[in-house]
Structure formats: C-alpha cells, structure tokens
C-alpha cells in the first residue's frame, strides 16, 4: 500500500505505475520497496489484546446503589476513564459487596 505524496490519498497500481485516483499523481513502482512492505500472510494473530480492569485496585468509593437484583448495597468503587473516540469520560462502578460491574448511564 502506498499513499500519495501530493494529497495523501491511497494509491492504486496500474501496471508499473502507482496512480492516485484523487489528484491523478503518478509514481513509478519500486519492486524492492514493495517487497519490503508487510503482508498479512507472514503475520501472526495473537488475538485481542488484554484490557485492564479500570476498577481493579480502586480505593475510591461513593454512594451508588447496586443495580444487581440480589444486592442491596449502596456503595461502589469507581474509576473515571476517557471514552474511546470521544472527548468526555465515563465512570465505571464495581459494587463493594457483590462485585457487580456497570457504567454510569
């Protein structure tokens, strides 16, 4: 895969040429450089990365009723985390008694 030096769009191959469909920039193909590009066939898939539990080890608690049906606790550990792709944070709760986890709605 190659990106256009002129406009940054992804380029496509046509014969011995890289062609940008956005600005029509053309560049010669370099077989040695293309051989060094990573391809998916030679890569391994180790699965999804581990995700840390934001509430693990948290000592901050607050009054927040547990939503679990069989728990009447009104205290929970909490942790503030940035929301992926957003500009605001989300609060994650873990009940101090039953361990039920939920996020602020």
Protein backbone atom coordinates (compact mmCIF):
# COMPACT_ATOMS: atom_id res chain seq x y z
CA UNK A 1 0.00 0.00 0.00
CA UNK A 2 1.25 3.45 -0.81
CA UNK A 3 -0.07 6.92 -0.09
CA UNK A 4 0.14 9.86 -2.47
CA UNK A 5 2.88 12.40 -1.70
CA UNK A 6 0.71 15.15 -3.22
CA UNK A 7 -2.66 14.71 -1.47
CA UNK A 8 -2.24 11.81 1.00
CA UNK A 9 -4.86 9.55 -0.61
CA UNK A 10 -4.28 5.82 -1.02
CA UNK A 11 -2.71 5.00 -4.37
CA UNK A 12 -3.55 2.06 -6.64
CA UNK A 13 -1.39 0.13 -9.07
CA UNK A 14 -1.78 0.14 -12.82
CA UNK A 15 0.98 -1.89 -14.45
CA UNK A 16 4.36 -0.41 -13.46
CA UNK A 17 2.81 2.76 -12.01
CA UNK A 18 1.24 3.86 -8.72
CA UNK A 19 -1.79 6.04 -9.55
CA UNK A 20 -3.68 8.38 -7.24
CA UNK A 21 -7.36 8.46 -8.17
CA UNK A 22 -7.89 11.70 -6.22
CA UNK A 23 -5.30 14.00 -7.78
CA UNK A 24 -4.07 11.77 -10.64
CA UNK A 25 -0.47 11.86 -9.38
CA UNK A 26 1.63 9.04 -10.88
CA UNK A 27 4.77 7.44 -9.45
CA UNK A 28 6.91 4.57 -10.71
CA UNK A 29 6.71 1.30 -8.83
CA UNK A 30 9.82 0.06 -6.99
CA UNK A 31 9.85 -3.73 -6.72
CA UNK A 32 12.43 -3.73 -3.88
CA UNK A 33 10.42 -1.28 -1.80
CA UNK A 34 7.22 -3.24 -2.42
CA UNK A 35 8.91 -6.49 -1.37
CA UNK A 36 9.74 -4.87 1.99
CA UNK A 37 6.08 -3.95 2.65
CA UNK A 38 4.45 -6.13 5.31
CA UNK A 39 1.81 -8.54 4.14
CA UNK A 40 -0.80 -10.23 6.27
CA UNK A 41 0.27 -13.76 5.22
CA UNK A 42 3.50 -13.51 7.22
CA UNK A 43 1.91 -12.07 10.34
CA UNK A 44 0.52 -13.96 13.30
CA UNK A 45 -2.72 -13.26 15.13
CA UNK A 46 -2.28 -13.34 18.88
CA UNK A 47 -5.95 -12.48 19.45
CA UNK A 48 -7.37 -9.40 21.08
CA UNK A 49 -5.08 -7.50 23.46
CA UNK A 50 -5.71 -7.72 27.19
CA UNK A 51 -7.85 -4.90 28.53
CA UNK A 52 -7.10 -3.64 32.02
CA UNK A 53 -9.93 -3.58 34.55
CA UNK A 54 -10.18 0.08 35.46
CA UNK A 55 -11.88 -0.63 38.78
CA UNK A 56 -9.30 -3.18 39.95
CA UNK A 57 -7.40 -1.87 42.95
CA UNK A 58 -9.55 1.25 43.21
CA UNK A 59 -9.96 2.60 46.74
CA UNK A 60 -12.38 5.44 45.94
CA UNK A 61 -15.99 4.65 46.83
CA UNK A 62 -19.17 6.63 46.58
CA UNK A 63 -22.82 6.21 47.37
CA UNK A 64 -24.26 4.50 44.32
CA UNK A 65 -26.96 1.80 44.56
CA UNK A 66 -26.00 -1.54 43.03
CA UNK A 67 -28.32 -2.44 40.11
CA UNK A 68 -27.96 -6.22 40.72
CA UNK A 69 -31.31 -7.80 41.65
CA UNK A 70 -29.95 -9.79 44.60
CA UNK A 71 -27.82 -7.00 46.15
CA UNK A 72 -28.95 -4.10 48.34
CA UNK A 73 -25.56 -2.36 48.66
CA UNK A 74 -25.43 1.39 48.21
CA UNK A 75 -21.62 1.74 47.90
CA UNK A 76 -19.41 1.19 44.87
CA UNK A 77 -15.81 1.64 43.84
CA UNK A 78 -15.48 3.92 40.82
CA UNK A 79 -12.97 4.90 38.18
CA UNK A 80 -13.12 7.63 35.54
CA UNK A 81 -11.88 6.66 32.06
CA UNK A 82 -11.84 8.53 28.76
CA UNK A 83 -14.50 7.20 26.41
CA UNK A 84 -12.92 5.71 23.27
CA UNK A 85 -13.29 8.06 20.34
CA UNK A 86 -14.94 10.72 22.47
CA UNK A 87 -13.90 13.80 24.31
CA UNK A 88 -15.61 13.03 27.60
CA UNK A 89 -15.14 10.48 30.37
CA UNK A 90 -17.23 7.54 31.51
CA UNK A 91 -17.48 6.37 35.13
CA UNK A 92 -17.15 2.64 35.80
CA UNK A 93 -18.56 1.19 39.03
CA UNK A 94 -17.91 -2.04 40.96
CA UNK A 95 -20.18 -2.92 43.89
CA UNK A 96 -18.21 -3.21 47.16
CA UNK A 97 -20.35 -6.17 48.31
CA UNK A 98 -21.16 -8.37 45.30
CA UNK A 99 -18.57 -7.21 42.72
CA UNK A 100 -21.22 -6.43 40.08
CA UNK A 101 -19.86 -4.01 37.44
CA UNK A 102 -21.68 -1.33 35.50
CA UNK A 103 -21.08 2.03 33.91
CA UNK A 104 -22.77 5.34 34.60
CA UNK A 105 -25.79 5.80 32.37
